[in-house]
Amino acid sequence: MPDTAGVIYLTEKADGRVFTTIDETIVRTLASACAVAISKVRQIEQLEARNRELEQRMAERTSK
């Protein structure tokens, strides 16, 4: 089961009309784009943490 990256909560349209299938498609597309962006940020954070760890190990080895 995939992780939940966030929630989009919709109440009602400003003009009071019901949501259409086009509205749903737009929201789904936006949600997908957001999920990709969040995933990329998480990957970058993991890579940066790993890089810091490796730099620390290198510093420890070269200082001996």
C-alpha atoms as a PDB file:
ATOM      1  CA  MET A   1       0.000   0.000   0.000  1.00  0.00           C
ATOM      2  CA  PRO A   2       1.520   3.377  -0.969  1.00  0.00           C
ATOM      3  CA  ASP A   3       2.312   6.007   1.633  1.00  0.00           C
ATOM      4  CA  THR A   4      -0.038   8.939   1.963  1.00  0.00           C
ATOM      5  CA  ALA A   5       1.864  12.115   1.179  1.00  0.00           C
ATOM      6  CA  GLY A   6      -0.996  14.464   1.944  1.00  0.00           C
ATOM      7  CA  VAL A   7      -4.688  15.112   1.720  1.00  0.00           C
ATOM      8  CA  ILE A   8      -6.683  17.436  -0.508  1.00  0.00           C
ATOM      9  CA  TYR A   9      -9.974  18.369   1.076  1.00  0.00           C
ATOM     10  CA  LEU A  10     -12.640  19.920  -1.115  1.00  0.00           C
ATOM     11  CA  THR A  11     -15.891  21.288   0.236  1.00  0.00           C
ATOM     12  CA  GLU A  12     -17.881  23.085  -2.422  1.00  0.00           C
ATOM     13  CA  LYS A  13     -17.184  25.310  -5.384  1.00  0.00           C
ATOM     14  CA  ALA A  14     -17.263  29.084  -4.855  1.00  0.00           C
ATOM     15  CA  ASP A  15     -20.178  29.434  -7.270  1.00  0.00           C
ATOM     16  CA  GLY A  16     -22.153  26.663  -5.582  1.00  0.00           C
ATOM     17  CA  ARG A  17     -22.176  24.317  -8.586  1.00  0.00           C
ATOM     18  CA  VAL A  18     -21.325  20.633  -8.228  1.00  0.00           C
ATOM     19  CA  PHE A  19     -17.917  19.299  -9.166  1.00  0.00           C
ATOM     20  CA  THR A  20     -17.648  17.916 -12.681  1.00  0.00           C
ATOM     21  CA  THR A  21     -15.541  15.090 -14.041  1.00  0.00           C
ATOM     22  CA  ILE A  22     -13.237  17.765 -15.475  1.00  0.00           C
ATOM     23  CA  ASP A  23     -12.830  19.221 -11.965  1.00  0.00           C
ATOM     24  CA  GLU A  24     -12.013  15.752 -10.671  1.00  0.00           C
ATOM     25  CA  THR A  25      -9.448  15.214 -13.425  1.00  0.00           C
ATOM     26  CA  ILE A  26      -7.776  18.535 -12.620  1.00  0.00           C
ATOM     27  CA  VAL A  27      -7.601  17.727  -8.901  1.00  0.00           C
ATOM     28  CA  ARG A  28      -6.262  14.228  -9.569  1.00  0.00           C
ATOM     29  CA  THR A  29      -3.612  15.641 -11.908  1.00  0.00           C
ATOM     30  CA  LEU A  30      -2.618  18.241  -9.333  1.00  0.00           C
ATOM     31  CA  ALA A  31      -2.470  15.586  -6.609  1.00  0.00           C
ATOM     32  CA  SER A  32      -0.257  13.380  -8.780  1.00  0.00           C
ATOM     33  CA  ALA A  33       2.116  16.248  -9.515  1.00  0.00           C
ATOM     34  CA  CYS A  34       2.292  17.077  -5.805  1.00  0.00           C
ATOM     35  CA  ALA A  35       2.998  13.451  -4.937  1.00  0.00           C
ATOM     36  CA  VAL A  36       5.876  13.350  -7.427  1.00  0.00           C
ATOM     37  CA  ALA A  37       7.315  16.586  -6.025  1.00  0.00           C
ATOM     38  CA  ILE A  38       7.046  15.331  -2.430  1.00  0.00           C
ATOM     39  CA  SER A  39       8.694  12.044  -3.401  1.00  0.00           C
ATOM     40  CA  LYS A  40      11.573  13.866  -5.088  1.00  0.00           C
ATOM     41  CA  VAL A  41      12.105  16.078  -2.035  1.00  0.00           C
ATOM     42  CA  ARG A  42      12.206  13.006   0.196  1.00  0.00           C
ATOM     43  CA  GLN A  43      14.731  11.336  -2.109  1.00  0.00           C
ATOM     44  CA  ILE A  44      16.920  14.444  -2.128  1.00  0.00           C
ATOM     45  CA  GLU A  45      16.783  14.618   1.675  1.00  0.00           C
ATOM     46  CA  GLN A  46      17.839  10.954   1.899  1.00  0.00           C
ATOM     47  CA  LEU A  47      20.696  11.519  -0.540  1.00  0.00           C
ATOM     48  CA  GLU A  48      21.873  14.590   1.362  1.00  0.00           C
ATOM     49  CA  ALA A  49      21.812  12.684   4.652  1.00  0.00           C
ATOM     50  CA  ARG A  50      23.767   9.815   3.102  1.00  0.00           C
ATOM     51  CA  ASN A  51      26.240  12.275   1.612  1.00  0.00           C
ATOM     52  CA  ARG A  52      26.789  13.916   5.019  1.00  0.00           C
ATOM     53  CA  GLU A  53      27.362  10.487   6.541  1.00  0.00           C
ATOM     54  CA  LEU A  54      29.917   9.562   3.890  1.00  0.00           C
ATOM     55  CA  GLU A  55      31.685  12.916   4.216  1.00  0.00           C
ATOM     56  CA  GLN A  56      31.922  12.385   7.969  1.00  0.00           C
ATOM     57  CA  ARG A  57      33.411   8.922   7.463  1.00  0.00           C
ATOM     58  CA  MET A  58      35.939  10.304   4.991  1.00  0.00           C
ATOM     59  CA  ALA A  59      36.897  13.079   7.413  1.00  0.00           C
ATOM     60  CA  GLU A  60      37.391  10.537  10.188  1.00  0.00           C
ATOM     61  CA  ARG A  61      39.575   8.316   7.995  1.00  0.00           C
ATOM     62  CA  THR A  62      41.726  11.114   6.658  1.00  0.00           C
ATOM     63  CA  SER A  63      42.302  12.652  10.102  1.00  0.00           C
ATOM     64  CA  LYS A  64      43.958   9.477  11.434  1.00  0.00           C
END
